[in-house]
Amino acid sequence: MSQCPKCESRNVDTRNYAKKAGGAIGVIAGGAGGATAVLTGAETGAAIGAFAGPAGLLVGGVAGAVVGALFGAAAGCATGVAVGRSIDEHVLDNYVCLSCGHTFSRNRGHKQEHESF
């Protein structure tokens, strides 16, 4: 568990802004990038459903398209979350003290102060 470097409180939470944003962006990008998977899934589903006649062709094509889009969105989300988690941990001040409001990074231990020249 993290401890606030300013007031030494253990009442600390994570903000995870980059992780949340990365997941959302990943779902959108993965869903859009899954267009190829959608077409392939629709073709595969239609081919499998063709054995059941015209209705099977339609249902199989739609089901294959939906599965392709879901796989694309899931892959994009997983990638976005992983990148976001790395940014939260290594770039942003991801921790916030709920007692005093201080934000800090576990890696640096405290917020970097910039000197003015």
C-alpha atoms as a PDB file:
ATOM      1  CA  MET A   1       0.000   0.000   0.000  1.00  0.00           C
ATOM      2  CA  SER A   2       1.247   3.497  -0.818  1.00  0.00           C
ATOM      3  CA  GLN A   3       1.754   6.220   1.725  1.00  0.00           C
ATOM      4  CA  CYS A   4       1.478   9.949   1.096  1.00  0.00           C
ATOM      5  CA  PRO A   5       4.957  11.509   1.096  1.00  0.00           C
ATOM      6  CA  LYS A   6       3.510  14.841   2.248  1.00  0.00           C
ATOM      7  CA  CYS A   7       1.321  13.928   5.255  1.00  0.00           C
ATOM      8  CA  GLU A   8       2.264  10.232   5.601  1.00  0.00           C
ATOM      9  CA  SER A   9      -1.383   9.147   5.474  1.00  0.00           C
ATOM     10  CA  ARG A  10      -2.163   5.670   4.172  1.00  0.00           C
ATOM     11  CA  ASN A  11      -5.553   6.917   2.914  1.00  0.00           C
ATOM     12  CA  VAL A  12      -4.394   6.887  -0.722  1.00  0.00           C
ATOM     13  CA  ASP A  13      -6.221   6.034  -3.928  1.00  0.00           C
ATOM     14  CA  THR A  14      -5.247   5.661  -7.585  1.00  0.00           C
ATOM     15  CA  ARG A  15      -6.618   7.932 -10.293  1.00  0.00           C
ATOM     16  CA  ASN A  16      -5.883   5.700 -13.343  1.00  0.00           C
ATOM     17  CA  TYR A  17      -6.775   8.415 -15.859  1.00  0.00           C
ATOM     18  CA  ALA A  18      -4.560   7.059 -18.641  1.00  0.00           C
ATOM     19  CA  LYS A  19      -5.753   3.488 -18.071  1.00  0.00           C
ATOM     20  CA  LYS A  20      -9.400   4.547 -18.383  1.00  0.00           C
ATOM     21  CA  ALA A  21      -8.749   6.732 -21.428  1.00  0.00           C
ATOM     22  CA  GLY A  22      -6.578   4.065 -23.040  1.00  0.00           C
ATOM     23  CA  GLY A  23      -9.290   1.461 -22.600  1.00  0.00           C
ATOM     24  CA  ALA A  24     -11.946   3.713 -24.130  1.00  0.00           C
ATOM     25  CA  ILE A  25      -9.742   4.724 -27.055  1.00  0.00           C
ATOM     26  CA  GLY A  26      -8.698   1.094 -27.527  1.00  0.00           C
ATOM     27  CA  VAL A  27     -12.311  -0.079 -27.771  1.00  0.00           C
ATOM     28  CA  ILE A  28     -13.057   2.526 -30.430  1.00  0.00           C
ATOM     29  CA  ALA A  29      -9.849   1.879 -32.375  1.00  0.00           C
ATOM     30  CA  GLY A  30     -10.185  -1.884 -32.021  1.00  0.00           C
ATOM     31  CA  GLY A  31     -13.784  -1.816 -33.162  1.00  0.00           C
ATOM     32  CA  ALA A  32     -12.918   0.369 -36.154  1.00  0.00           C
ATOM     33  CA  GLY A  33      -9.795  -1.639 -36.910  1.00  0.00           C
ATOM     34  CA  GLY A  34     -11.862  -4.794 -36.613  1.00  0.00           C
ATOM     35  CA  ALA A  35     -13.600  -3.961 -39.898  1.00  0.00           C
ATOM     36  CA  THR A  36     -11.459  -6.577 -41.599  1.00  0.00           C
ATOM     37  CA  ALA A  37     -12.338  -9.041 -38.861  1.00  0.00           C
ATOM     38  CA  VAL A  38     -16.001  -8.149 -39.313  1.00  0.00           C
ATOM     39  CA  LEU A  39     -15.865  -8.923 -43.031  1.00  0.00           C
ATOM     40  CA  THR A  40     -13.912 -12.126 -42.473  1.00  0.00           C
ATOM     41  CA  GLY A  41     -16.264 -13.134 -39.663  1.00  0.00           C
ATOM     42  CA  ALA A  42     -19.295 -12.432 -41.818  1.00  0.00           C
ATOM     43  CA  GLU A  43     -17.876 -14.483 -44.687  1.00  0.00           C
ATOM     44  CA  THR A  44     -16.991 -17.364 -42.370  1.00  0.00           C
ATOM     45  CA  GLY A  45     -20.362 -17.223 -40.612  1.00  0.00           C
ATOM     46  CA  ALA A  46     -22.191 -17.108 -43.930  1.00  0.00           C
ATOM     47  CA  ALA A  47     -20.204 -20.074 -45.232  1.00  0.00           C
ATOM     48  CA  ILE A  48     -21.008 -22.113 -42.134  1.00  0.00           C
ATOM     49  CA  GLY A  49     -24.647 -20.995 -42.127  1.00  0.00           C
ATOM     50  CA  ALA A  50     -25.055 -21.814 -45.822  1.00  0.00           C
ATOM     51  CA  PHE A  51     -25.646 -25.439 -44.859  1.00  0.00           C
ATOM     52  CA  ALA A  52     -28.922 -24.350 -43.247  1.00  0.00           C
ATOM     53  CA  GLY A  53     -30.162 -22.524 -46.324  1.00  0.00           C
ATOM     54  CA  PRO A  54     -30.828 -18.812 -46.910  1.00  0.00           C
ATOM     55  CA  ALA A  55     -31.853 -18.111 -43.302  1.00  0.00           C
ATOM     56  CA  GLY A  56     -28.681 -19.791 -42.043  1.00  0.00           C
ATOM     57  CA  LEU A  57     -26.633 -17.737 -44.491  1.00  0.00           C
ATOM     58  CA  LEU A  58     -28.081 -14.490 -43.106  1.00  0.00           C
ATOM     59  CA  VAL A  59     -27.909 -15.460 -39.420  1.00  0.00           C
ATOM     60  CA  GLY A  60     -24.401 -16.893 -39.831  1.00  0.00           C
ATOM     61  CA  GLY A  61     -23.185 -13.752 -41.603  1.00  0.00           C
ATOM     62  CA  VAL A  62     -24.583 -11.422 -38.948  1.00  0.00           C
ATOM     63  CA  ALA A  63     -23.295 -13.570 -36.080  1.00  0.00           C
ATOM     64  CA  GLY A  64     -19.850 -13.769 -37.678  1.00  0.00           C
ATOM     65  CA  ALA A  65     -19.745  -9.979 -38.135  1.00  0.00           C
ATOM     66  CA  VAL A  66     -20.735  -9.362 -34.509  1.00  0.00           C
ATOM     67  CA  VAL A  67     -18.134 -11.811 -33.201  1.00  0.00           C
ATOM     68  CA  GLY A  68     -15.447 -10.212 -35.406  1.00  0.00           C
ATOM     69  CA  ALA A  69     -16.283  -6.721 -34.124  1.00  0.00           C
ATOM     70  CA  LEU A  70     -16.294  -7.899 -30.507  1.00  0.00           C
ATOM     71  CA  PHE A  71     -12.889  -9.547 -30.874  1.00  0.00           C
ATOM     72  CA  GLY A  72     -11.475  -6.368 -32.444  1.00  0.00           C
ATOM     73  CA  ALA A  73     -12.901  -4.163 -29.687  1.00  0.00           C
ATOM     74  CA  ALA A  74     -11.685  -6.524 -26.939  1.00  0.00           C
ATOM     75  CA  ALA A  75      -8.164  -6.642 -28.372  1.00  0.00           C
ATOM     76  CA  GLY A  76      -8.094  -2.857 -28.714  1.00  0.00           C
ATOM     77  CA  CYS A  77      -9.344  -2.373 -25.165  1.00  0.00           C
ATOM     78  CA  ALA A  78      -6.733  -4.752 -23.721  1.00  0.00           C
ATOM     79  CA  THR A  79      -3.959  -2.964 -25.589  1.00  0.00           C
ATOM     80  CA  GLY A  80      -5.239   0.488 -24.572  1.00  0.00           C
ATOM     81  CA  VAL A  81      -5.485  -0.511 -20.911  1.00  0.00           C
ATOM     82  CA  ALA A  82      -1.936  -1.913 -20.936  1.00  0.00           C
ATOM     83  CA  VAL A  83      -0.509   1.256 -22.493  1.00  0.00           C
ATOM     84  CA  GLY A  84      -2.570   3.447 -20.151  1.00  0.00           C
ATOM     85  CA  ARG A  85      -1.412   1.505 -17.080  1.00  0.00           C
ATOM     86  CA  SER A  86       2.200   2.030 -18.104  1.00  0.00           C
ATOM     87  CA  ILE A  87       1.619   5.763 -18.564  1.00  0.00           C
ATOM     88  CA  ASP A  88      -0.125   5.981 -15.174  1.00  0.00           C
ATOM     89  CA  GLU A  89       2.755   4.238 -13.411  1.00  0.00           C
ATOM     90  CA  HIS A  90       5.705   5.851 -15.196  1.00  0.00           C
ATOM     91  CA  VAL A  91       4.604   9.289 -16.395  1.00  0.00           C
ATOM     92  CA  LEU A  92       1.650  10.624 -14.415  1.00  0.00           C
ATOM     93  CA  ASP A  93       1.176  11.287 -10.723  1.00  0.00           C
ATOM     94  CA  ASN A  94      -1.295   8.427 -10.424  1.00  0.00           C
ATOM     95  CA  TYR A  95      -1.795   8.446  -6.651  1.00  0.00           C
ATOM     96  CA  VAL A  96      -3.853  10.947  -4.681  1.00  0.00           C
ATOM     97  CA  CYS A  97      -3.925  11.305  -0.911  1.00  0.00           C
ATOM     98  CA  LEU A  98      -7.522  11.379   0.229  1.00  0.00           C
ATOM     99  CA  SER A  99      -6.499  13.169   3.421  1.00  0.00           C
ATOM    100  CA  CYS A 100      -4.552  16.156   2.059  1.00  0.00           C
ATOM    101  CA  GLY A 101      -5.180  16.018  -1.719  1.00  0.00           C
ATOM    102  CA  HIS A 102      -1.483  15.665  -2.643  1.00  0.00           C
ATOM    103  CA  THR A 103      -0.824  13.827  -5.913  1.00  0.00           C
ATOM    104  CA  PHE A 104       2.306  11.764  -6.388  1.00  0.00           C
ATOM    105  CA  SER A 105       3.881   8.888  -8.235  1.00  0.00           C
ATOM    106  CA  ARG A 106       4.978   5.720  -6.510  1.00  0.00           C
ATOM    107  CA  ASN A 107       8.173   5.707  -8.591  1.00  0.00           C
ATOM    108  CA  ARG A 108       9.222   9.234  -7.665  1.00  0.00           C
ATOM    109  CA  GLY A 109       7.659   9.280  -4.220  1.00  0.00           C
ATOM    110  CA  HIS A 110       6.613  12.905  -4.593  1.00  0.00           C
ATOM    111  CA  LYS A 111       5.568  15.397  -7.186  1.00  0.00           C
ATOM    112  CA  GLN A 112       8.522  16.929  -8.979  1.00  0.00           C
ATOM    113  CA  GLU A 113       8.928  20.601  -8.150  1.00  0.00           C
ATOM    114  CA  HIS A 114      10.209  22.779 -10.988  1.00  0.00           C
ATOM    115  CA  GLU A 115      12.526  25.639 -10.203  1.00  0.00           C
ATOM    116  CA  SER A 116      11.797  28.950 -11.881  1.00  0.00           C
ATOM    117  CA  PHE A 117      14.755  30.795 -13.350  1.00  0.00           C
END
